[in-house]
């Protein structure tokens, strides 16, 4: 349980940093400062917390029960919430299809990177794996 907590915190920090850096880079040609980027990253982290509680942790517990510890088992399901979030809730407004696809790909990218971080701390950490990765 301790490793799951550490993995969850590391994952949330990863989401915050990825979104913050993306927002800062995007704001270079605009007139808003880094504080708005921090707010955007904070909101994204809250959304990630919800996904963590209702999707990632139950998925992790299921994968533990099924003894599935390869990275792909964590990345593949992590890509889905980004698409569901963007296409079902449309949090960025009623955008055109190409814009929705870009938003969904970015959210899924953040989900995939976060899954790698979560997997590293919850499953892989040196000394935790009982068998070598293939």
N, C-alpha and C. Protein backbone atom coordinates (compact mmCIF):
# COMPACT_ATOMS: atom_id res chain seq x y z
N UNK A 1 0.82 -1.19 0.00
CA UNK A 1 0.00 0.00 0.00
C UNK A 1 0.87 1.26 0.00
N UNK A 2 1.99 1.19 0.70
CA UNK A 2 2.90 2.33 0.74
C UNK A 2 3.41 2.66 -0.66
N UNK A 3 3.76 1.63 -1.43
CA UNK A 3 4.25 1.86 -2.79
C UNK A 3 3.17 2.45 -3.69
N UNK A 4 1.93 2.05 -3.47
CA UNK A 4 0.82 2.61 -4.25
C UNK A 4 0.64 4.08 -3.93
N UNK A 5 0.77 4.45 -2.68
CA UNK A 5 0.66 5.85 -2.29
C UNK A 5 1.80 6.68 -2.90
N UNK A 6 3.01 6.16 -2.82
CA UNK A 6 4.15 6.87 -3.42
C UNK A 6 3.96 6.98 -4.92
N UNK A 7 3.51 5.91 -5.57
CA UNK A 7 3.27 5.93 -7.01
C UNK A 7 2.18 6.94 -7.38
N UNK A 8 1.14 7.01 -6.56
CA UNK A 8 0.06 7.97 -6.81
C UNK A 8 0.54 9.40 -6.71
N UNK A 9 1.32 9.70 -5.69
CA UNK A 9 1.84 11.06 -5.53
C UNK A 9 2.81 11.42 -6.66
N UNK A 10 3.65 10.47 -7.04
CA UNK A 10 4.59 10.71 -8.15
C UNK A 10 3.83 10.93 -9.45
N UNK A 11 2.76 10.18 -9.65
CA UNK A 11 1.95 10.34 -10.86
C UNK A 11 1.29 11.71 -10.90
N UNK A 12 0.74 12.15 -9.78
CA UNK A 12 0.10 13.46 -9.74
C UNK A 12 1.12 14.58 -9.96
N UNK A 13 2.30 14.44 -9.41
CA UNK A 13 3.35 15.42 -9.64
C UNK A 13 3.76 15.45 -11.12
N UNK A 14 3.79 14.28 -11.73
CA UNK A 14 4.12 14.19 -13.16
C UNK A 14 3.08 14.92 -13.99
N UNK A 15 1.81 14.71 -13.69
CA UNK A 15 0.74 15.40 -14.42
C UNK A 15 0.90 16.91 -14.27
N UNK A 16 1.11 17.35 -13.03
CA UNK A 16 1.25 18.79 -12.79
C UNK A 16 2.41 19.36 -13.60
N UNK A 17 3.55 18.70 -13.55
CA UNK A 17 4.74 19.22 -14.25
C UNK A 17 4.56 19.22 -15.77
N UNK A 18 4.03 18.14 -16.33
CA UNK A 18 3.83 18.08 -17.78
C UNK A 18 2.88 19.16 -18.26
N UNK A 19 1.76 19.32 -17.57
CA UNK A 19 0.77 20.32 -17.98
C UNK A 19 1.30 21.72 -17.73
N UNK A 20 1.97 21.93 -16.62
CA UNK A 20 2.54 23.25 -16.32
C UNK A 20 3.56 23.66 -17.39
N UNK A 21 4.48 22.76 -17.71
CA UNK A 21 5.49 23.09 -18.73
C UNK A 21 4.86 23.32 -20.09
N UNK A 22 3.86 22.53 -20.45
CA UNK A 22 3.17 22.73 -21.72
C UNK A 22 2.46 24.08 -21.75
N UNK A 23 1.80 24.44 -20.65
CA UNK A 23 1.10 25.73 -20.59
C UNK A 23 2.08 26.90 -20.62
N UNK A 24 3.22 26.76 -19.95
CA UNK A 24 4.23 27.83 -19.97
C UNK A 24 4.77 28.01 -21.39
N UNK A 25 5.08 26.91 -22.04
CA UNK A 25 5.59 27.00 -23.42
C UNK A 25 4.54 27.59 -24.33
N UNK A 26 3.29 27.20 -24.14
CA UNK A 26 2.20 27.74 -24.97
C UNK A 26 1.97 29.22 -24.72
N UNK A 27 2.28 29.69 -23.52
CA UNK A 27 2.03 31.09 -23.18
C UNK A 27 3.14 32.03 -23.60
N UNK A 28 4.21 31.51 -24.18
CA UNK A 28 5.34 32.36 -24.56
C UNK A 28 4.90 33.47 -25.52
N UNK A 29 4.04 33.15 -26.46
CA UNK A 29 3.60 34.16 -27.43
C UNK A 29 2.32 34.87 -27.02
N UNK A 30 1.79 34.56 -25.84
CA UNK A 30 0.57 35.18 -25.35
C UNK A 30 0.89 36.15 -24.22
N UNK A 31 -0.14 36.81 -23.73
CA UNK A 31 0.07 37.82 -22.70
C UNK A 31 -0.22 37.34 -21.27
N UNK A 32 -0.34 36.06 -21.02
CA UNK A 32 -0.58 35.65 -19.63
C UNK A 32 0.69 35.07 -19.03
N UNK A 33 0.78 35.21 -17.71
CA UNK A 33 2.01 34.81 -17.03
C UNK A 33 1.95 33.37 -16.52
N UNK A 34 3.00 32.95 -15.86
CA UNK A 34 3.13 31.57 -15.43
C UNK A 34 2.12 31.18 -14.36
N UNK A 35 1.52 32.15 -13.66
CA UNK A 35 0.54 31.82 -12.63
C UNK A 35 -0.70 31.18 -13.23
N UNK A 36 -1.07 31.61 -14.42
CA UNK A 36 -2.21 30.98 -15.10
C UNK A 36 -1.83 29.55 -15.48
N UNK A 37 -0.58 29.36 -15.87
CA UNK A 37 -0.11 28.00 -16.17
C UNK A 37 -0.20 27.12 -14.93
N UNK A 38 0.09 27.67 -13.77
CA UNK A 38 -0.01 26.91 -12.53
C UNK A 38 -1.47 26.55 -12.23
N UNK A 39 -2.39 27.45 -12.49
CA UNK A 39 -3.82 27.17 -12.28
C UNK A 39 -4.28 26.07 -13.24
N UNK A 40 -3.88 26.18 -14.50
CA UNK A 40 -4.24 25.15 -15.48
C UNK A 40 -3.69 23.79 -15.05
N UNK A 41 -2.44 23.77 -14.61
CA UNK A 41 -1.83 22.53 -14.16
C UNK A 41 -2.52 22.00 -12.90
N UNK A 42 -2.94 22.88 -12.02
CA UNK A 42 -3.66 22.46 -10.81
C UNK A 42 -4.99 21.82 -11.14
N UNK A 43 -5.72 22.40 -12.08
CA UNK A 43 -7.00 21.82 -12.50
C UNK A 43 -6.77 20.45 -13.15
N UNK A 44 -5.75 20.36 -13.99
CA UNK A 44 -5.43 19.08 -14.63
C UNK A 44 -5.06 18.03 -13.59
N UNK A 45 -4.37 18.44 -12.55
CA UNK A 45 -3.99 17.51 -11.48
C UNK A 45 -5.22 17.04 -10.70
N UNK A 46 -6.18 17.92 -10.50
CA UNK A 46 -7.43 17.50 -9.84
C UNK A 46 -8.19 16.48 -10.70
N UNK A 47 -8.22 16.72 -12.01
CA UNK A 47 -8.85 15.75 -12.91
C UNK A 47 -8.09 14.42 -12.84
N UNK A 48 -6.76 14.49 -12.82
CA UNK A 48 -5.95 13.28 -12.73
C UNK A 48 -6.20 12.55 -11.41
N UNK A 49 -6.44 13.27 -10.35
CA UNK A 49 -6.75 12.65 -9.06
C UNK A 49 -8.04 11.85 -9.14
N UNK A 50 -9.05 12.41 -9.80
CA UNK A 50 -10.31 11.69 -9.98
C UNK A 50 -10.08 10.42 -10.80
N UNK A 51 -9.32 10.54 -11.89
CA UNK A 51 -9.02 9.37 -12.73
C UNK A 51 -8.21 8.34 -11.93
N UNK A 52 -7.31 8.81 -11.11
CA UNK A 52 -6.51 7.92 -10.27
C UNK A 52 -7.39 7.10 -9.35
N UNK A 53 -8.35 7.76 -8.71
CA UNK A 53 -9.20 7.09 -7.72
C UNK A 53 -10.19 6.12 -8.38
N UNK A 54 -10.78 6.51 -9.50
CA UNK A 54 -11.82 5.65 -10.08
C UNK A 54 -11.34 4.74 -11.20
N UNK A 55 -10.10 4.95 -11.69
CA UNK A 55 -9.62 4.13 -12.81
C UNK A 55 -8.27 3.47 -12.50
N UNK A 56 -7.28 4.24 -12.12
CA UNK A 56 -5.92 3.73 -12.01
C UNK A 56 -5.71 2.80 -10.81
N UNK A 57 -6.14 3.21 -9.65
CA UNK A 57 -5.92 2.36 -8.47
C UNK A 57 -6.73 1.07 -8.55
N UNK A 58 -8.02 1.11 -8.91
CA UNK A 58 -8.73 -0.17 -9.09
C UNK A 58 -8.08 -1.04 -10.17
N UNK A 59 -7.61 -0.41 -11.25
CA UNK A 59 -6.91 -1.17 -12.29
C UNK A 59 -5.63 -1.79 -11.78
N UNK A 60 -4.90 -1.05 -10.99
CA UNK A 60 -3.66 -1.56 -10.39
C UNK A 60 -3.95 -2.75 -9.48
N UNK A 61 -4.97 -2.64 -8.67
CA UNK A 61 -5.33 -3.75 -7.77
C UNK A 61 -5.76 -4.99 -8.57
N UNK A 62 -6.50 -4.78 -9.66
CA UNK A 62 -6.90 -5.89 -10.51
C UNK A 62 -5.68 -6.53 -11.18
N UNK A 63 -4.77 -5.70 -11.68
CA UNK A 63 -3.57 -6.23 -12.32
C UNK A 63 -2.70 -7.00 -11.31
N UNK A 64 -2.64 -6.52 -10.09
CA UNK A 64 -1.91 -7.25 -9.04
C UNK A 64 -2.54 -8.62 -8.80
N UNK A 65 -3.86 -8.64 -8.73
CA UNK A 65 -4.57 -9.90 -8.50
C UNK A 65 -4.34 -10.88 -9.64
N UNK A 66 -4.29 -10.35 -10.86
CA UNK A 66 -4.08 -11.20 -12.05
C UNK A 66 -2.60 -11.47 -12.31
N UNK A 67 -1.73 -10.88 -11.49
CA UNK A 67 -0.27 -11.03 -11.61
C UNK A 67 0.25 -10.53 -12.96
N UNK A 68 -0.29 -9.41 -13.39
CA UNK A 68 0.16 -8.76 -14.63
C UNK A 68 1.03 -7.58 -14.21
N UNK A 69 2.34 -7.68 -14.45
CA UNK A 69 3.23 -6.62 -13.99
C UNK A 69 4.04 -5.97 -15.10
N UNK A 70 3.75 -6.30 -16.34
CA UNK A 70 4.47 -5.67 -17.44
C UNK A 70 3.95 -4.26 -17.67
N UNK A 71 4.82 -3.42 -18.16
CA UNK A 71 4.49 -2.01 -18.37
C UNK A 71 3.30 -1.82 -19.31
N UNK A 72 3.19 -2.62 -20.35
CA UNK A 72 2.10 -2.45 -21.32
C UNK A 72 0.73 -2.58 -20.68
N UNK A 73 0.62 -3.40 -19.62
CA UNK A 73 -0.65 -3.56 -18.92
C UNK A 73 -1.05 -2.28 -18.19
N UNK A 74 -0.11 -1.40 -17.94
CA UNK A 74 -0.41 -0.13 -17.28
C UNK A 74 -0.59 0.99 -18.29
N UNK A 75 0.17 0.97 -19.38
CA UNK A 75 0.07 2.04 -20.38
C UNK A 75 -1.23 1.95 -21.16
N UNK A 76 -1.57 0.77 -21.64
CA UNK A 76 -2.75 0.63 -22.51
C UNK A 76 -4.04 1.18 -21.89
N UNK A 77 -4.38 0.80 -20.65
CA UNK A 77 -5.61 1.37 -20.09
C UNK A 77 -5.49 2.85 -19.73
N UNK A 78 -4.28 3.35 -19.60
CA UNK A 78 -4.09 4.76 -19.25
C UNK A 78 -4.40 5.68 -20.42
N UNK A 79 -4.43 5.15 -21.62
CA UNK A 79 -4.70 5.98 -22.80
C UNK A 79 -6.19 6.28 -22.97
N UNK A 80 -7.04 5.44 -22.43
CA UNK A 80 -8.48 5.58 -22.60
C UNK A 80 -9.10 6.80 -21.90
N UNK A 81 -8.78 7.09 -20.65
CA UNK A 81 -9.45 8.21 -19.98
C UNK A 81 -9.28 9.56 -20.68
N UNK A 82 -8.15 9.78 -21.35
CA UNK A 82 -7.96 11.04 -22.07
C UNK A 82 -8.98 11.23 -23.17
N UNK A 83 -9.25 10.18 -23.92
CA UNK A 83 -10.25 10.26 -24.99
C UNK A 83 -11.66 10.40 -24.43
N UNK A 84 -11.97 9.64 -23.38
CA UNK A 84 -13.28 9.75 -22.75
C UNK A 84 -13.49 11.16 -22.21
N UNK A 85 -12.48 11.69 -21.54
CA UNK A 85 -12.56 13.02 -20.95
C UNK A 85 -12.83 14.08 -22.02
N UNK A 86 -12.11 14.03 -23.11
CA UNK A 86 -12.23 15.07 -24.14
C UNK A 86 -13.50 14.91 -24.96
N UNK A 87 -13.81 13.70 -25.40
CA UNK A 87 -14.95 13.51 -26.30
C UNK A 87 -16.30 13.46 -25.58
N UNK A 88 -16.31 13.00 -24.35
CA UNK A 88 -17.57 12.90 -23.64
C UNK A 88 -17.89 14.20 -22.90
N UNK A 89 -16.92 14.75 -22.19
CA UNK A 89 -17.17 15.96 -21.39
C UNK A 89 -16.93 17.26 -22.15
N UNK A 90 -16.09 17.22 -23.18
CA UNK A 90 -15.72 18.41 -23.96
C UNK A 90 -15.37 19.59 -23.05
N UNK A 91 -14.35 19.43 -22.18
CA UNK A 91 -14.02 20.46 -21.20
C UNK A 91 -13.40 21.72 -21.80
N UNK A 92 -12.93 21.64 -23.03
CA UNK A 92 -12.27 22.80 -23.63
C UNK A 92 -13.20 23.54 -24.58
N UNK A 93 -14.48 23.20 -24.58
CA UNK A 93 -15.45 23.86 -25.44
C UNK A 93 -15.85 22.98 -26.61
N UNK A 94 -16.77 23.48 -27.40
CA UNK A 94 -17.28 22.75 -28.57
C UNK A 94 -16.37 22.99 -29.76
N UNK A 95 -15.22 22.35 -29.74
CA UNK A 95 -14.22 22.54 -30.79
C UNK A 95 -14.49 21.62 -31.97
N UNK A 96 -13.82 21.92 -33.07
CA UNK A 96 -13.91 21.08 -34.26
C UNK A 96 -13.20 19.75 -34.01
N UNK A 97 -13.52 18.78 -34.83
CA UNK A 97 -12.98 17.43 -34.66
C UNK A 97 -11.45 17.37 -34.61
N UNK A 98 -10.72 18.07 -35.50
CA UNK A 98 -9.25 18.01 -35.41
C UNK A 98 -8.71 18.55 -34.09
N UNK A 99 -9.34 19.59 -33.58
CA UNK A 99 -8.91 20.15 -32.30
C UNK A 99 -9.21 19.19 -31.15
N UNK A 100 -10.37 18.53 -31.20
CA UNK A 100 -10.70 17.54 -30.17
C UNK A 100 -9.70 16.38 -30.19
N UNK A 101 -9.30 15.97 -31.39
CA UNK A 101 -8.34 14.87 -31.49
C UNK A 101 -7.00 15.27 -30.89
N UNK A 102 -6.53 16.48 -31.15
CA UNK A 102 -5.27 16.95 -30.58
C UNK A 102 -5.36 17.01 -29.05
N UNK A 103 -6.48 17.51 -28.54
CA UNK A 103 -6.67 17.57 -27.09
C UNK A 103 -6.68 16.17 -26.48
N UNK A 104 -7.37 15.24 -27.13
CA UNK A 104 -7.45 13.87 -26.62
C UNK A 104 -6.08 13.19 -26.67
N UNK A 105 -5.33 13.44 -27.74
CA UNK A 105 -3.99 12.86 -27.83
C UNK A 105 -3.07 13.40 -26.74
N UNK A 106 -3.17 14.71 -26.46
CA UNK A 106 -2.35 15.28 -25.39
C UNK A 106 -2.75 14.69 -24.04
N UNK A 107 -4.05 14.61 -23.76
CA UNK A 107 -4.49 14.03 -22.49
C UNK A 107 -4.06 12.57 -22.37
N UNK A 108 -4.13 11.84 -23.46
CA UNK A 108 -3.70 10.44 -23.44
C UNK A 108 -2.18 10.32 -23.29
N UNK A 109 -1.45 11.25 -23.90
CA UNK A 109 0.01 11.27 -23.72
C UNK A 109 0.36 11.48 -22.25
N UNK A 110 -0.29 12.44 -21.62
CA UNK A 110 -0.05 12.69 -20.19
C UNK A 110 -0.44 11.45 -19.39
N UNK A 111 -1.54 10.80 -19.76
CA UNK A 111 -1.94 9.57 -19.08
C UNK A 111 -0.93 8.45 -19.25
N UNK A 112 -0.37 8.33 -20.45
CA UNK A 112 0.62 7.29 -20.71
C UNK A 112 1.91 7.52 -19.93
N UNK A 113 2.39 8.76 -19.93
CA UNK A 113 3.60 9.08 -19.17
C UNK A 113 3.35 8.87 -17.68
N UNK A 114 2.19 9.27 -17.22
CA UNK A 114 1.85 9.08 -15.81
C UNK A 114 1.76 7.60 -15.45
N UNK A 115 1.28 6.79 -16.38
CA UNK A 115 1.20 5.35 -16.14
C UNK A 115 2.60 4.74 -15.99
N UNK A 116 3.54 5.24 -16.79
CA UNK A 116 4.92 4.75 -16.67
C UNK A 116 5.47 5.09 -15.29
N UNK A 117 5.22 6.32 -14.84
CA UNK A 117 5.70 6.74 -13.52
C UNK A 117 5.03 5.91 -12.42
N UNK A 118 3.72 5.74 -12.54
CA UNK A 118 2.99 4.94 -11.54
C UNK A 118 3.52 3.52 -11.51
N UNK A 119 3.69 2.91 -12.69
CA UNK A 119 4.20 1.55 -12.78
C UNK A 119 5.59 1.43 -12.16
N UNK A 120 6.43 2.42 -12.42
CA UNK A 120 7.80 2.37 -11.88
C UNK A 120 7.78 2.31 -10.36
N UNK A 121 7.00 3.18 -9.74
CA UNK A 121 7.01 3.25 -8.28
C UNK A 121 6.16 2.15 -7.63
N UNK A 122 5.09 1.72 -8.28
CA UNK A 122 4.21 0.73 -7.66
C UNK A 122 4.62 -0.71 -7.96
N UNK A 123 5.24 -0.93 -9.13
CA UNK A 123 5.51 -2.31 -9.55
C UNK A 123 6.99 -2.58 -9.74
N UNK A 124 7.64 -1.79 -10.54
CA UNK A 124 8.99 -2.11 -11.01
C UNK A 124 10.09 -1.89 -10.00
N UNK A 125 10.05 -0.78 -9.32
CA UNK A 125 11.16 -0.36 -8.45
C UNK A 125 12.14 -1.48 -8.19
N UNK A 126 13.41 -1.24 -8.42
CA UNK A 126 14.42 -2.29 -8.24
C UNK A 126 14.22 -3.02 -6.91
N UNK A 127 14.20 -4.34 -7.02
CA UNK A 127 14.01 -5.15 -5.83
C UNK A 127 12.56 -5.57 -5.62
N UNK A 128 11.60 -4.95 -6.34
CA UNK A 128 10.20 -5.28 -6.15
C UNK A 128 9.74 -6.38 -7.10
N UNK A 129 10.32 -6.43 -8.27
CA UNK A 129 9.91 -7.43 -9.26
C UNK A 129 10.43 -8.80 -8.81
N UNK A 130 9.57 -9.79 -8.90
CA UNK A 130 9.97 -11.14 -8.52
C UNK A 130 10.55 -11.88 -9.69
N UNK A 131 10.28 -11.41 -10.89
CA UNK A 131 10.84 -12.04 -12.09
C UNK A 131 11.31 -10.95 -13.04
N UNK A 132 12.29 -11.23 -13.88
CA UNK A 132 12.82 -10.21 -14.78
C UNK A 132 11.82 -9.84 -15.87
N UNK A 133 11.92 -8.60 -16.35
CA UNK A 133 11.08 -8.14 -17.46
C UNK A 133 11.54 -8.78 -18.75
N UNK A 134 10.61 -9.03 -19.64
CA UNK A 134 10.97 -9.60 -20.96
C UNK A 134 10.57 -8.64 -22.04
